[in-house]
Amino acid sequence: LRDPSLRERPLGIQQKNIVVTCNYVARAKGVSKLSLVSEAKRKCPDLVLVRGEDLTPYRDASQRVFELMQRYTPSVEKLGLDECFLDGTDVISADGGQMQGAMGHFYTGGESTSCVDSLTAR
């Protein structure tokens, strides 16, 4: 966050007359992604809007996160600027399937509901 004072305030990223994304504080007050600015301000009068036409900082951060994930597995796929999918099969196999202290979800390709530590199988 370039301006830490906005961390706890309802925040939206504006491109033209649309709120293209917003933080969870704003979402809790009824603002949703891809809302018109006028609608978002009606729902949340204290919404802080930041111009988001220059995506360079977001692209740079996205690339750094992608490179970090590639340290763990080469099987990484980007989905937009803020999401990636990792195939951690090799990491789990190398650990004998234990993944001690791991958190998140793993997918077994089946209907399994078993858990491994903090991981939830789906």
PDB file of N, CA and C in Angstrom:
ATOM      1  N   LEU A   1       0.862  -1.172   0.000  1.00  0.00           N
ATOM      2  CA  LEU A   1       0.000   0.000   0.000  1.00  0.00           C
ATOM      3  C   LEU A   1       0.903   1.228   0.000  1.00  0.00           C
ATOM      4  N   ARG A   2       0.748   2.029  -1.019  1.00  0.00           N
ATOM      5  CA  ARG A   2       1.604   3.222  -1.119  1.00  0.00           C
ATOM      6  C   ARG A   2       1.245   4.272  -0.081  1.00  0.00           C
ATOM      7  N   ASP A   3      -0.013   4.289   0.366  1.00  0.00           N
ATOM      8  CA  ASP A   3      -0.441   5.250   1.377  1.00  0.00           C
ATOM      9  C   ASP A   3      -1.068   4.474   2.535  1.00  0.00           C
ATOM     10  N   PRO A   4      -0.266   4.130   3.551  1.00  0.00           N
ATOM     11  CA  PRO A   4      -0.772   3.315   4.671  1.00  0.00           C
ATOM     12  C   PRO A   4      -1.953   3.934   5.413  1.00  0.00           C
ATOM     13  N   SER A   5      -2.160   5.240   5.299  1.00  0.00           N
ATOM     14  CA  SER A   5      -3.292   5.864   5.986  1.00  0.00           C
ATOM     15  C   SER A   5      -4.630   5.390   5.414  1.00  0.00           C
ATOM     16  N   LEU A   6      -4.612   4.779   4.224  1.00  0.00           N
ATOM     17  CA  LEU A   6      -5.842   4.299   3.599  1.00  0.00           C
ATOM     18  C   LEU A   6      -6.185   2.858   3.979  1.00  0.00           C
ATOM     19  N   ARG A   7      -5.324   2.211   4.728  1.00  0.00           N
ATOM     20  CA  ARG A   7      -5.485   0.791   5.048  1.00  0.00           C
ATOM     21  C   ARG A   7      -6.844   0.451   5.669  1.00  0.00           C
ATOM     22  N   GLU A   8      -7.321   1.252   6.577  1.00  0.00           N
ATOM     23  CA  GLU A   8      -8.562   0.963   7.297  1.00  0.00           C
ATOM     24  C   GLU A   8      -9.770   1.744   6.760  1.00  0.00           C
ATOM     25  N   ARG A   9      -9.582   2.480   5.689  1.00  0.00           N
ATOM     26  CA  ARG A   9     -10.666   3.285   5.123  1.00  0.00           C
ATOM     27  C   ARG A   9     -11.242   2.586   3.898  1.00  0.00           C
ATOM     28  N   PRO A  10     -12.511   2.847   3.584  1.00  0.00           N
ATOM     29  CA  PRO A  10     -13.071   2.270   2.357  1.00  0.00           C
ATOM     30  C   PRO A  10     -12.380   2.877   1.146  1.00  0.00           C
ATOM     31  N   LEU A  11     -11.812   2.023   0.308  1.00  0.00           N
ATOM     32  CA  LEU A  11     -10.970   2.467  -0.789  1.00  0.00           C
ATOM     33  C   LEU A  11     -11.406   1.821  -2.090  1.00  0.00           C
ATOM     34  N   GLY A  12     -11.511   2.629  -3.129  1.00  0.00           N
ATOM     35  CA  GLY A  12     -11.821   2.118  -4.461  1.00  0.00           C
ATOM     36  C   GLY A  12     -10.797   2.606  -5.461  1.00  0.00           C
ATOM     37  N   ILE A  13     -10.535   1.784  -6.466  1.00  0.00           N
ATOM     38  CA  ILE A  13      -9.641   2.170  -7.553  1.00  0.00           C
ATOM     39  C   ILE A  13     -10.522   2.557  -8.737  1.00  0.00           C
ATOM     40  N   GLN A  14     -10.367   3.795  -9.167  1.00  0.00           N
ATOM     41  CA  GLN A  14     -11.224   4.358 -10.212  1.00  0.00           C
ATOM     42  C   GLN A  14     -10.499   4.393 -11.551  1.00  0.00           C
ATOM     43  N   GLN A  15     -11.202   3.932 -12.574  1.00  0.00           N
ATOM     44  CA  GLN A  15     -10.762   4.111 -13.954  1.00  0.00           C
ATOM     45  C   GLN A  15     -11.962   4.701 -14.693  1.00  0.00           C
ATOM     46  N   LYS A  16     -11.769   5.884 -15.248  1.00  0.00           N
ATOM     47  CA  LYS A  16     -12.849   6.658 -15.876  1.00  0.00           C
ATOM     48  C   LYS A  16     -13.960   6.850 -14.862  1.00  0.00           C
ATOM     49  N   ASN A  17     -15.188   6.382 -15.115  1.00  0.00           N
ATOM     50  CA  ASN A  17     -16.268   6.585 -14.138  1.00  0.00           C
ATOM     51  C   ASN A  17     -16.677   5.272 -13.469  1.00  0.00           C
ATOM     52  N   ILE A  18     -15.729   4.327 -13.396  1.00  0.00           N
ATOM     53  CA  ILE A  18     -16.018   3.010 -12.812  1.00  0.00           C
ATOM     54  C   ILE A  18     -15.050   2.717 -11.675  1.00  0.00           C
ATOM     55  N   VAL A  19     -15.560   2.107 -10.609  1.00  0.00           N
ATOM     56  CA  VAL A  19     -14.726   1.575  -9.535  1.00  0.00           C
ATOM     57  C   VAL A  19     -14.350   0.165  -9.972  1.00  0.00           C
ATOM     58  N   VAL A  20     -13.116  -0.009 -10.432  1.00  0.00           N
ATOM     59  CA  VAL A  20     -12.721  -1.301 -10.999  1.00  0.00           C
ATOM     60  C   VAL A  20     -12.433  -2.353  -9.938  1.00  0.00           C
ATOM     61  N   THR A  21     -12.047  -1.918  -8.755  1.00  0.00           N
ATOM     62  CA  THR A  21     -11.894  -2.832  -7.628  1.00  0.00           C
ATOM     63  C   THR A  21     -11.941  -2.010  -6.347  1.00  0.00           C
ATOM     64  N   CYS A  22     -12.100  -2.699  -5.234  1.00  0.00           N
ATOM     65  CA  CYS A  22     -12.163  -1.997  -3.950  1.00  0.00           C
ATOM     66  C   CYS A  22     -11.685  -2.933  -2.848  1.00  0.00           C
ATOM     67  N   ASN A  23     -11.367  -2.349  -1.704  1.00  0.00           N
ATOM     68  CA  ASN A  23     -10.887  -3.162  -0.591  1.00  0.00           C
ATOM     69  C   ASN A  23     -12.077  -3.748   0.179  1.00  0.00           C
ATOM     70  N   TYR A  24     -11.761  -4.609   1.152  1.00  0.00           N
ATOM     71  CA  TYR A  24     -12.815  -5.288   1.908  1.00  0.00           C
ATOM     72  C   TYR A  24     -13.606  -4.328   2.791  1.00  0.00           C
ATOM     73  N   VAL A  25     -12.974  -3.248   3.228  1.00  0.00           N
ATOM     74  CA  VAL A  25     -13.694  -2.243   4.023  1.00  0.00           C
ATOM     75  C   VAL A  25     -14.814  -1.646   3.178  1.00  0.00           C
ATOM     76  N   ALA A  26     -14.523  -1.307   1.933  1.00  0.00           N
ATOM     77  CA  ALA A  26     -15.543  -0.753   1.032  1.00  0.00           C
ATOM     78  C   ALA A  26     -16.595  -1.800   0.688  1.00  0.00           C
ATOM     79  N   ARG A  27     -16.168  -3.033   0.489  1.00  0.00           N
ATOM     80  CA  ARG A  27     -17.128  -4.099   0.159  1.00  0.00           C
ATOM     81  C   ARG A  27     -18.117  -4.320   1.290  1.00  0.00           C
ATOM     82  N   ALA A  28     -17.636  -4.189   2.525  1.00  0.00           N
ATOM     83  CA  ALA A  28     -18.522  -4.347   3.682  1.00  0.00           C
ATOM     84  C   ALA A  28     -19.581  -3.249   3.729  1.00  0.00           C
ATOM     85  N   LYS A  29     -19.316  -2.137   3.069  1.00  0.00           N
ATOM     86  CA  LYS A  29     -20.279  -1.028   3.035  1.00  0.00           C
ATOM     87  C   LYS A  29     -21.099  -1.026   1.751  1.00  0.00           C
ATOM     88  N   GLY A  30     -21.039  -2.130   0.981  1.00  0.00           N
ATOM     89  CA  GLY A  30     -21.904  -2.271  -0.185  1.00  0.00           C
ATOM     90  C   GLY A  30     -21.289  -1.946  -1.532  1.00  0.00           C
ATOM     91  N   VAL A  31     -20.037  -1.533  -1.560  1.00  0.00           N
ATOM     92  CA  VAL A  31     -19.385  -1.215  -2.829  1.00  0.00           C
ATOM     93  C   VAL A  31     -18.926  -2.527  -3.464  1.00  0.00           C
ATOM     94  N   SER A  32     -19.121  -2.642  -4.763  1.00  0.00           N
ATOM     95  CA  SER A  32     -18.670  -3.843  -5.459  1.00  0.00           C
ATOM     96  C   SER A  32     -17.782  -3.454  -6.633  1.00  0.00           C
ATOM     97  N   LYS A  33     -17.005  -4.428  -7.100  1.00  0.00           N
ATOM     98  CA  LYS A  33     -16.157  -4.197  -8.259  1.00  0.00           C
ATOM     99  C   LYS A  33     -17.026  -3.852  -9.460  1.00  0.00           C
ATOM    100  N   LEU A  34     -16.502  -3.021 -10.313  1.00  0.00           N
ATOM    101  CA  LEU A  34     -17.154  -2.599 -11.561  1.00  0.00           C
ATOM    102  C   LEU A  34     -18.439  -1.815 -11.336  1.00  0.00           C
ATOM    103  N   SER A  35     -18.521  -1.123 -10.220  1.00  0.00           N
ATOM    104  CA  SER A  35     -19.647  -0.219  -9.950  1.00  0.00           C
ATOM    105  C   SER A  35     -19.388   1.126 -10.601  1.00  0.00           C
ATOM    106  N   LEU A  36     -20.447   1.810 -10.945  1.00  0.00           N
ATOM    107  CA  LEU A  36     -20.304   3.209 -11.344  1.00  0.00           C
ATOM    108  C   LEU A  36     -19.865   4.000 -10.120  1.00  0.00           C
ATOM    109  N   VAL A  37     -19.030   5.011 -10.328  1.00  0.00           N
ATOM    110  CA  VAL A  37     -18.554   5.830  -9.211  1.00  0.00           C
ATOM    111  C   VAL A  37     -19.739   6.442  -8.468  1.00  0.00           C
ATOM    112  N   SER A  38     -20.727   6.926  -9.179  1.00  0.00           N
ATOM    113  CA  SER A  38     -21.888   7.550  -8.531  1.00  0.00           C
ATOM    114  C   SER A  38     -22.633   6.555  -7.640  1.00  0.00           C
ATOM    115  N   GLU A  39     -22.779   5.321  -8.093  1.00  0.00           N
ATOM    116  CA  GLU A  39     -23.453   4.293  -7.297  1.00  0.00           C
ATOM    117  C   GLU A  39     -22.620   3.934  -6.061  1.00  0.00           C
ATOM    118  N   ALA A  40     -21.314   3.797  -6.253  1.00  0.00           N
ATOM    119  CA  ALA A  40     -20.431   3.467  -5.134  1.00  0.00           C
ATOM    120  C   ALA A  40     -20.444   4.560  -4.073  1.00  0.00           C
ATOM    121  N   LYS A  41     -20.410   5.826  -4.501  1.00  0.00           N
ATOM    122  CA  LYS A  41     -20.426   6.947  -3.550  1.00  0.00           C
ATOM    123  C   LYS A  41     -21.776   7.058  -2.840  1.00  0.00           C
ATOM    124  N   ARG A  42     -22.853   6.662  -3.526  1.00  0.00           N
ATOM    125  CA  ARG A  42     -24.174   6.661  -2.889  1.00  0.00           C
ATOM    126  C   ARG A  42     -24.210   5.616  -1.770  1.00  0.00           C
ATOM    127  N   LYS A  43     -23.644   4.454  -2.031  1.00  0.00           N
ATOM    128  CA  LYS A  43     -23.630   3.387  -1.032  1.00  0.00           C
ATOM    129  C   LYS A  43     -22.646   3.666   0.096  1.00  0.00           C
ATOM    130  N   CYS A  44     -21.558   4.357  -0.241  1.00  0.00           N
ATOM    131  CA  CYS A  44     -20.491   4.595   0.736  1.00  0.00           C
ATOM    132  C   CYS A  44     -19.950   6.003   0.543  1.00  0.00           C
ATOM    133  N   PRO A  45     -20.607   7.007   1.147  1.00  0.00           N
ATOM    134  CA  PRO A  45     -20.195   8.401   0.945  1.00  0.00           C
ATOM    135  C   PRO A  45     -18.748   8.695   1.348  1.00  0.00           C
ATOM    136  N   ASP A  46     -18.192   7.904   2.276  1.00  0.00           N
ATOM    137  CA  ASP A  46     -16.815   8.155   2.705  1.00  0.00           C
ATOM    138  C   ASP A  46     -15.790   7.347   1.897  1.00  0.00           C
ATOM    139  N   LEU A  47     -16.212   6.802   0.756  1.00  0.00           N
ATOM    140  CA  LEU A  47     -15.316   6.041  -0.112  1.00  0.00           C
ATOM    141  C   LEU A  47     -14.196   6.939  -0.637  1.00  0.00           C
ATOM    142  N   VAL A  48     -12.964   6.491  -0.480  1.00  0.00           N
ATOM    143  CA  VAL A  48     -11.801   7.194  -1.012  1.00  0.00           C
ATOM    144  C   VAL A  48     -11.499   6.582  -2.379  1.00  0.00           C
ATOM    145  N   LEU A  49     -11.415   7.423  -3.394  1.00  0.00           N
ATOM    146  CA  LEU A  49     -11.126   6.947  -4.742  1.00  0.00           C
ATOM    147  C   LEU A  49      -9.709   7.321  -5.145  1.00  0.00           C
ATOM    148  N   VAL A  50      -9.004   6.338  -5.688  1.00  0.00           N
ATOM    149  CA  VAL A  50      -7.639   6.542  -6.176  1.00  0.00           C
ATOM    150  C   VAL A  50      -7.652   6.241  -7.660  1.00  0.00           C
ATOM    151  N   ARG A  51      -7.047   7.132  -8.444  1.00  0.00           N
ATOM    152  CA  ARG A  51      -6.989   6.928  -9.893  1.00  0.00           C
ATOM    153  C   ARG A  51      -6.151   5.686 -10.188  1.00  0.00           C
ATOM    154  N   GLY A  52      -6.643   4.855 -11.068  1.00  0.00           N
ATOM    155  CA  GLY A  52      -5.965   3.602 -11.359  1.00  0.00           C
ATOM    156  C   GLY A  52      -5.654   3.386 -12.822  1.00  0.00           C
ATOM    157  N   GLU A  53      -5.512   4.457 -13.582  1.00  0.00           N
ATOM    158  CA  GLU A  53      -5.226   4.298 -15.005  1.00  0.00           C
ATOM    159  C   GLU A  53      -3.827   3.741 -15.261  1.00  0.00           C
ATOM    160  N   ASP A  54      -2.860   4.121 -14.428  1.00  0.00           N
ATOM    161  CA  ASP A  54      -1.494   3.636 -14.605  1.00  0.00           C
ATOM    162  C   ASP A  54      -1.328   2.335 -13.823  1.00  0.00           C
ATOM    163  N   LEU A  55      -1.319   1.225 -14.528  1.00  0.00           N
ATOM    164  CA  LEU A  55      -1.232  -0.085 -13.893  1.00  0.00           C
ATOM    165  C   LEU A  55       0.201  -0.569 -13.692  1.00  0.00           C
ATOM    166  N   THR A  56       1.176   0.259 -14.001  1.00  0.00           N
ATOM    167  CA  THR A  56       2.580  -0.144 -13.906  1.00  0.00           C
ATOM    168  C   THR A  56       2.947  -0.674 -12.516  1.00  0.00           C
ATOM    169  N   PRO A  57       2.593   0.004 -11.420  1.00  0.00           N
ATOM    170  CA  PRO A  57       2.964  -0.534 -10.097  1.00  0.00           C
ATOM    171  C   PRO A  57       2.326  -1.899  -9.819  1.00  0.00           C
ATOM    172  N   TYR A  58       1.095  -2.100 -10.296  1.00  0.00           N
ATOM    173  CA  TYR A  58       0.405  -3.371 -10.073  1.00  0.00           C
ATOM    174  C   TYR A  58       1.029  -4.479 -10.909  1.00  0.00           C
ATOM    175  N   ARG A  59       1.386  -4.158 -12.139  1.00  0.00           N
ATOM    176  CA  ARG A  59       2.061  -5.149 -12.999  1.00  0.00           C
ATOM    177  C   ARG A  59       3.413  -5.537 -12.414  1.00  0.00           C
ATOM    178  N   ASP A  60       4.149  -4.564 -11.904  1.00  0.00           N
ATOM    179  CA  ASP A  60       5.457  -4.838 -11.303  1.00  0.00           C
ATOM    180  C   ASP A  60       5.310  -5.740 -10.074  1.00  0.00           C
ATOM    181  N   ALA A  61       4.353  -5.430  -9.201  1.00  0.00           N
ATOM    182  CA  ALA A  61       4.132  -6.250  -8.008  1.00  0.00           C
ATOM    183  C   ALA A  61       3.677  -7.649  -8.396  1.00  0.00           C
ATOM    184  N   SER A  62       2.796  -7.739  -9.391  1.00  0.00           N
ATOM    185  CA  SER A  62       2.315  -9.027  -9.864  1.00  0.00           C
ATOM    186  C   SER A  62       3.473  -9.882 -10.375  1.00  0.00           C
ATOM    187  N   GLN A  63       4.381  -9.281 -11.107  1.00  0.00           N
ATOM    188  CA  GLN A  63       5.531 -10.020 -11.635  1.00  0.00           C
ATOM    189  C   GLN A  63       6.436 -10.500 -10.509  1.00  0.00           C
ATOM    190  N   ARG A  64       6.633  -9.676  -9.483  1.00  0.00           N
ATOM    191  CA  ARG A  64       7.474 -10.086  -8.350  1.00  0.00           C
ATOM    192  C   ARG A  64       6.855 -11.280  -7.614  1.00  0.00           C
ATOM    193  N   VAL A  65       5.521 -11.252  -7.423  1.00  0.00           N
ATOM    194  CA  VAL A  65       4.841 -12.375  -6.765  1.00  0.00           C
ATOM    195  C   VAL A  65       4.959 -13.636  -7.621  1.00  0.00           C
ATOM    196  N   PHE A  66       4.771 -13.494  -8.938  1.00  0.00           N
ATOM    197  CA  PHE A  66       4.885 -14.621  -9.854  1.00  0.00           C
ATOM    198  C   PHE A  66       6.275 -15.246  -9.773  1.00  0.00           C
ATOM    199  N   GLU A  67       7.312 -14.412  -9.775  1.00  0.00           N
ATOM    200  CA  GLU A  67       8.689 -14.908  -9.683  1.00  0.00           C
ATOM    201  C   GLU A  67       8.938 -15.601  -8.345  1.00  0.00           C
ATOM    202  N   LEU A  68       8.363 -15.083  -7.273  1.00  0.00           N
ATOM    203  CA  LEU A  68       8.484 -15.721  -5.963  1.00  0.00           C
ATOM    204  C   LEU A  68       7.856 -17.109  -5.993  1.00  0.00           C
ATOM    205  N   MET A  69       6.682 -17.227  -6.580  1.00  0.00           N
ATOM    206  CA  MET A  69       6.012 -18.527  -6.644  1.00  0.00           C
ATOM    207  C   MET A  69       6.795 -19.525  -7.485  1.00  0.00           C
ATOM    208  N   GLN A  70       7.469 -19.042  -8.506  1.00  0.00           N
ATOM    209  CA  GLN A  70       8.267 -19.938  -9.351  1.00  0.00           C
ATOM    210  C   GLN A  70       9.465 -20.526  -8.616  1.00  0.00           C
ATOM    211  N   ARG A  71       9.833 -19.953  -7.483  1.00  0.00           N
ATOM    212  CA  ARG A  71      10.907 -20.533  -6.670  1.00  0.00           C
ATOM    213  C   ARG A  71      10.486 -21.885  -6.095  1.00  0.00           C
ATOM    214  N   TYR A  72       9.173 -22.064  -5.903  1.00  0.00           N
ATOM    215  CA  TYR A  72       8.652 -23.279  -5.293  1.00  0.00           C
ATOM    216  C   TYR A  72       8.279 -24.331  -6.326  1.00  0.00           C
ATOM    217  N   THR A  73       7.793 -23.908  -7.476  1.00  0.00           N
ATOM    218  CA  THR A  73       7.435 -24.830  -8.543  1.00  0.00           C
ATOM    219  C   THR A  73       7.418 -24.081  -9.870  1.00  0.00           C
ATOM    220  N   PRO A  74       7.887 -24.728 -10.931  1.00  0.00           N
ATOM    221  CA  PRO A  74       7.809 -24.079 -12.248  1.00  0.00           C
ATOM    222  C   PRO A  74       6.389 -24.109 -12.819  1.00  0.00           C
ATOM    223  N   SER A  75       5.517 -24.875 -12.184  1.00  0.00           N
ATOM    224  CA  SER A  75       4.136 -25.018 -12.664  1.00  0.00           C
ATOM    225  C   SER A  75       3.247 -23.934 -12.067  1.00  0.00           C
ATOM    226  N   VAL A  76       3.402 -22.719 -12.569  1.00  0.00           N
ATOM    227  CA  VAL A  76       2.627 -21.577 -12.098  1.00  0.00           C
ATOM    228  C   VAL A  76       1.909 -20.965 -13.291  1.00  0.00           C
ATOM    229  N   GLU A  77       0.621 -20.688 -13.127  1.00  0.00           N
ATOM    230  CA  GLU A  77      -0.149 -20.013 -14.169  1.00  0.00           C
ATOM    231  C   GLU A  77      -0.726 -18.731 -13.598  1.00  0.00           C
ATOM    232  N   LYS A  78      -0.583 -17.645 -14.334  1.00  0.00           N
ATOM    233  CA  LYS A  78      -1.155 -16.359 -13.919  1.00  0.00           C
ATOM    234  C   LYS A  78      -2.619 -16.287 -14.336  1.00  0.00           C
ATOM    235  N   LEU A  79      -3.404 -15.682 -13.488  1.00  0.00           N
ATOM    236  CA  LEU A  79      -4.792 -15.382 -13.802  1.00  0.00           C
ATOM    237  C   LEU A  79      -5.001 -13.922 -13.430  1.00  0.00           C
ATOM    238  N   GLY A  80      -4.798 -13.036 -14.381  1.00  0.00           N
ATOM    239  CA  GLY A  80      -4.915 -11.612 -14.111  1.00  0.00           C
ATOM    240  C   GLY A  80      -3.709 -11.107 -13.333  1.00  0.00           C
ATOM    241  N   LEU A  81      -3.866  -9.948 -12.723  1.00  0.00           N
ATOM    242  CA  LEU A  81      -2.758  -9.339 -11.986  1.00  0.00           C
ATOM    243  C   LEU A  81      -2.598  -9.901 -10.582  1.00  0.00           C
ATOM    244  N   ASP A  82      -3.699 -10.390  -9.997  1.00  0.00           N
ATOM    245  CA  ASP A  82      -3.635 -10.693  -8.574  1.00  0.00           C
ATOM    246  C   ASP A  82      -3.939 -12.142  -8.212  1.00  0.00           C
ATOM    247  N   GLU A  83      -3.888 -13.056  -9.169  1.00  0.00           N
ATOM    248  CA  GLU A  83      -4.114 -14.451  -8.852  1.00  0.00           C
ATOM    249  C   GLU A  83      -3.186 -15.336  -9.660  1.00  0.00           C
ATOM    250  N   CYS A  84      -2.738 -16.407  -9.024  1.00  0.00           N
ATOM    251  CA  CYS A  84      -1.919 -17.413  -9.688  1.00  0.00           C
ATOM    252  C   CYS A  84      -2.383 -18.787  -9.201  1.00  0.00           C
ATOM    253  N   PHE A  85      -2.204 -19.761 -10.056  1.00  0.00           N
ATOM    254  CA  PHE A  85      -2.437 -21.147  -9.692  1.00  0.00           C
ATOM    255  C   PHE A  85      -1.096 -21.855  -9.692  1.00  0.00           C
ATOM    256  N   LEU A  86      -0.842 -22.650  -8.649  1.00  0.00           N
ATOM    257  CA  LEU A  86       0.392 -23.413  -8.548  1.00  0.00           C
ATOM    258  C   LEU A  86       0.055 -24.890  -8.486  1.00  0.00           C
ATOM    259  N   ASP A  87       0.827 -25.704  -9.189  1.00  0.00           N
ATOM    260  CA  ASP A  87       0.714 -27.147  -9.053  1.00  0.00           C
ATOM    261  C   ASP A  87       1.787 -27.563  -8.065  1.00  0.00           C
ATOM    262  N   GLY A  88       1.390 -27.872  -6.856  1.00  0.00           N
ATOM    263  CA  GLY A  88       2.330 -28.228  -5.803  1.00  0.00           C
ATOM    264  C   GLY A  88       2.507 -29.724  -5.632  1.00  0.00           C
ATOM    265  N   THR A  89       2.096 -30.511  -6.634  1.00  0.00           N
ATOM    266  CA  THR A  89       2.172 -31.965  -6.534  1.00  0.00           C
ATOM    267  C   THR A  89       3.575 -32.435  -6.177  1.00  0.00           C
ATOM    268  N   ASP A  90       4.583 -31.896  -6.863  1.00  0.00           N
ATOM    269  CA  ASP A  90       5.956 -32.320  -6.602  1.00  0.00           C
ATOM    270  C   ASP A  90       6.401 -31.955  -5.190  1.00  0.00           C
ATOM    271  N   VAL A  91       5.989 -30.800  -4.706  1.00  0.00           N
ATOM    272  CA  VAL A  91       6.351 -30.371  -3.354  1.00  0.00           C
ATOM    273  C   VAL A  91       5.709 -31.291  -2.323  1.00  0.00           C
ATOM    274  N   ILE A  92       4.436 -31.625  -2.525  1.00  0.00           N
ATOM    275  CA  ILE A  92       3.723 -32.505  -1.592  1.00  0.00           C
ATOM    276  C   ILE A  92       4.316 -33.907  -1.649  1.00  0.00           C
ATOM    277  N   SER A  93       4.604 -34.393  -2.849  1.00  0.00           N
ATOM    278  CA  SER A  93       5.185 -35.735  -2.999  1.00  0.00           C
ATOM    279  C   SER A  93       6.543 -35.823  -2.320  1.00  0.00           C
ATOM    280  N   ALA A  94       7.367 -34.789  -2.471  1.00  0.00           N
ATOM    281  CA  ALA A  94       8.698 -34.781  -1.867  1.00  0.00           C
ATOM    282  C   ALA A  94       8.618 -34.781  -0.345  1.00  0.00           C
ATOM    283  N   ASP A  95       7.535 -34.265   0.199  1.00  0.00           N
ATOM    284  CA  ASP A  95       7.333 -34.189   1.652  1.00  0.00           C
ATOM    285  C   ASP A  95       6.616 -35.438   2.160  1.00  0.00           C
ATOM    286  N   GLY A  96       6.380 -36.390   1.293  1.00  0.00           N
ATOM    287  CA  GLY A  96       5.660 -37.595   1.705  1.00  0.00           C
ATOM    288  C   GLY A  96       4.197 -37.331   1.971  1.00  0.00           C
ATOM    289  N   GLY A  97       3.671 -36.223   1.447  1.00  0.00           N
ATOM    290  CA  GLY A  97       2.252 -35.897   1.627  1.00  0.00           C
ATOM    291  C   GLY A  97       1.925 -35.286   2.969  1.00  0.00           C
ATOM    292  N   GLN A  98       2.942 -34.968   3.773  1.00  0.00           N
ATOM    293  CA  GLN A  98       2.684 -34.476   5.128  1.00  0.00           C
ATOM    294  C   GLN A  98       2.362 -32.983   5.166  1.00  0.00           C
ATOM    295  N   MET A  99       3.163 -32.160   4.490  1.00  0.00           N
ATOM    296  CA  MET A  99       2.943 -30.709   4.436  1.00  0.00           C
ATOM    297  C   MET A  99       2.714 -30.124   5.830  1.00  0.00           C
ATOM    298  N   GLN A 100       3.583 -30.435   6.773  1.00  0.00           N
ATOM    299  CA  GLN A 100       3.445 -29.951   8.140  1.00  0.00           C
ATOM    300  C   GLN A 100       3.369 -28.428   8.186  1.00  0.00           C
ATOM    301  N   GLY A 101       2.356 -27.909   8.832  1.00  0.00           N
ATOM    302  CA  GLY A 101       2.207 -26.479   9.019  1.00  0.00           C
ATOM    303  C   GLY A 101       1.701 -25.737   7.795  1.00  0.00           C
ATOM    304  N   ALA A 102       1.373 -26.449   6.723  1.00  0.00           N
ATOM    305  CA  ALA A 102       0.909 -25.785   5.506  1.00  0.00           C
ATOM    306  C   ALA A 102      -0.515 -25.285   5.685  1.00  0.00           C
ATOM    307  N   MET A 103      -0.833 -24.228   4.968  1.00  0.00           N
ATOM    308  CA  MET A 103      -2.180 -23.685   5.015  1.00  0.00           C
ATOM    309  C   MET A 103      -2.657 -23.440   3.594  1.00  0.00           C
ATOM    310  N   GLY A 104      -3.937 -23.647   3.330  1.00  0.00           N
ATOM    311  CA  GLY A 104      -4.498 -23.408   2.018  1.00  0.00           C
ATOM    312  C   GLY A 104      -5.334 -24.580   1.561  1.00  0.00           C
ATOM    313  N   HIS A 105      -5.531 -24.682   0.266  1.00  0.00           N
ATOM    314  CA  HIS A 105      -6.337 -25.742  -0.318  1.00  0.00           C
ATOM    315  C   HIS A 105      -5.495 -26.560  -1.278  1.00  0.00           C
ATOM    316  N   PHE A 106      -5.784 -27.838  -1.354  1.00  0.00           N
ATOM    317  CA  PHE A 106      -5.189 -28.633  -2.421  1.00  0.00           C
ATOM    318  C   PHE A 106      -6.292 -29.436  -3.073  1.00  0.00           C
ATOM    319  N   TYR A 107      -6.095 -29.751  -4.322  1.00  0.00           N
ATOM    320  CA  TYR A 107      -7.110 -30.415  -5.124  1.00  0.00           C
ATOM    321  C   TYR A 107      -6.613 -31.788  -5.527  1.00  0.00           C
ATOM    322  N   THR A 108      -7.423 -32.794  -5.226  1.00  0.00           N
ATOM    323  CA  THR A 108      -7.009 -34.164  -5.503  1.00  0.00           C
ATOM    324  C   THR A 108      -7.609 -34.688  -6.793  1.00  0.00           C
ATOM    325  N   GLY A 109      -8.479 -33.939  -7.424  1.00  0.00           N
ATOM    326  CA  GLY A 109      -9.124 -34.400  -8.645  1.00  0.00           C
ATOM    327  C   GLY A 109     -10.321 -35.286  -8.357  1.00  0.00           C
ATOM    328  N   GLY A 110     -10.587 -35.554  -7.107  1.00  0.00           N
ATOM    329  CA  GLY A 110     -11.722 -36.390  -6.720  1.00  0.00           C
ATOM    330  C   GLY A 110     -12.657 -35.637  -5.799  1.00  0.00           C
ATOM    331  N   GLU A 111     -13.498 -36.383  -5.120  1.00  0.00           N
ATOM    332  CA  GLU A 111     -14.480 -35.792  -4.212  1.00  0.00           C
ATOM    333  C   GLU A 111     -14.029 -35.881  -2.759  1.00  0.00           C
ATOM    334  N   SER A 112     -12.748 -36.013  -2.523  1.00  0.00           N
ATOM    335  CA  SER A 112     -12.217 -36.204  -1.183  1.00  0.00           C
ATOM    336  C   SER A 112     -12.531 -35.008  -0.289  1.00  0.00           C
ATOM    337  N   THR A 113     -12.814 -35.279   0.976  1.00  0.00           N
ATOM    338  CA  THR A 113     -13.021 -34.216   1.949  1.00  0.00           C
ATOM    339  C   THR A 113     -12.022 -34.332   3.098  1.00  0.00           C
ATOM    340  N   SER A 114     -11.015 -35.194   2.931  1.00  0.00           N
ATOM    341  CA  SER A 114     -10.024 -35.366   4.000  1.00  0.00           C
ATOM    342  C   SER A 114      -9.147 -34.120   4.113  1.00  0.00           C
ATOM    343  N   CYS A 115      -8.500 -33.974   5.238  1.00  0.00           N
ATOM    344  CA  CYS A 115      -7.630 -32.816   5.474  1.00  0.00           C
ATOM    345  C   CYS A 115      -6.211 -33.304   5.769  1.00  0.00           C
ATOM    346  N   VAL A 116      -5.256 -32.504   5.388  1.00  0.00           N
ATOM    347  CA  VAL A 116      -3.863 -32.721   5.751  1.00  0.00           C
ATOM    348  C   VAL A 116      -3.423 -31.463   6.466  1.00  0.00           C
ATOM    349  N   ASP A 117      -3.185 -31.575   7.775  1.00  0.00           N
ATOM    350  CA  ASP A 117      -2.806 -30.425   8.565  1.00  0.00           C
ATOM    351  C   ASP A 117      -3.848 -29.326   8.352  1.00  0.00           C
ATOM    352  N   SER A 118      -3.456 -28.147   7.893  1.00  0.00           N
ATOM    353  CA  SER A 118      -4.419 -27.074   7.660  1.00  0.00           C
ATOM    354  C   SER A 118      -4.910 -27.025   6.219  1.00  0.00           C
ATOM    355  N   LEU A 119      -4.476 -27.971   5.390  1.00  0.00           N
ATOM    356  CA  LEU A 119      -4.924 -27.984   4.002  1.00  0.00           C
ATOM    357  C   LEU A 119      -6.267 -28.680   3.892  1.00  0.00           C
ATOM    358  N   THR A 120      -7.112 -28.184   3.043  1.00  0.00           N
ATOM    359  CA  THR A 120      -8.413 -28.794   2.824  1.00  0.00           C
ATOM    360  C   THR A 120      -8.436 -29.413   1.435  1.00  0.00           C
ATOM    361  N   ALA A 121      -8.689 -30.694   1.361  1.00  0.00           N
ATOM    362  CA  ALA A 121      -8.776 -31.352   0.054  1.00  0.00           C
ATOM    363  C   ALA A 121     -10.138 -31.085  -0.540  1.00  0.00           C
ATOM    364  N   ARG A 122     -10.162 -30.869  -1.847  1.00  0.00           N
ATOM    365  CA  ARG A 122     -11.436 -30.707  -2.549  1.00  0.00           C
ATOM    366  C   ARG A 122     -11.455 -31.642  -3.727  1.00  0.00           C
TER     367      ARG A 122
END
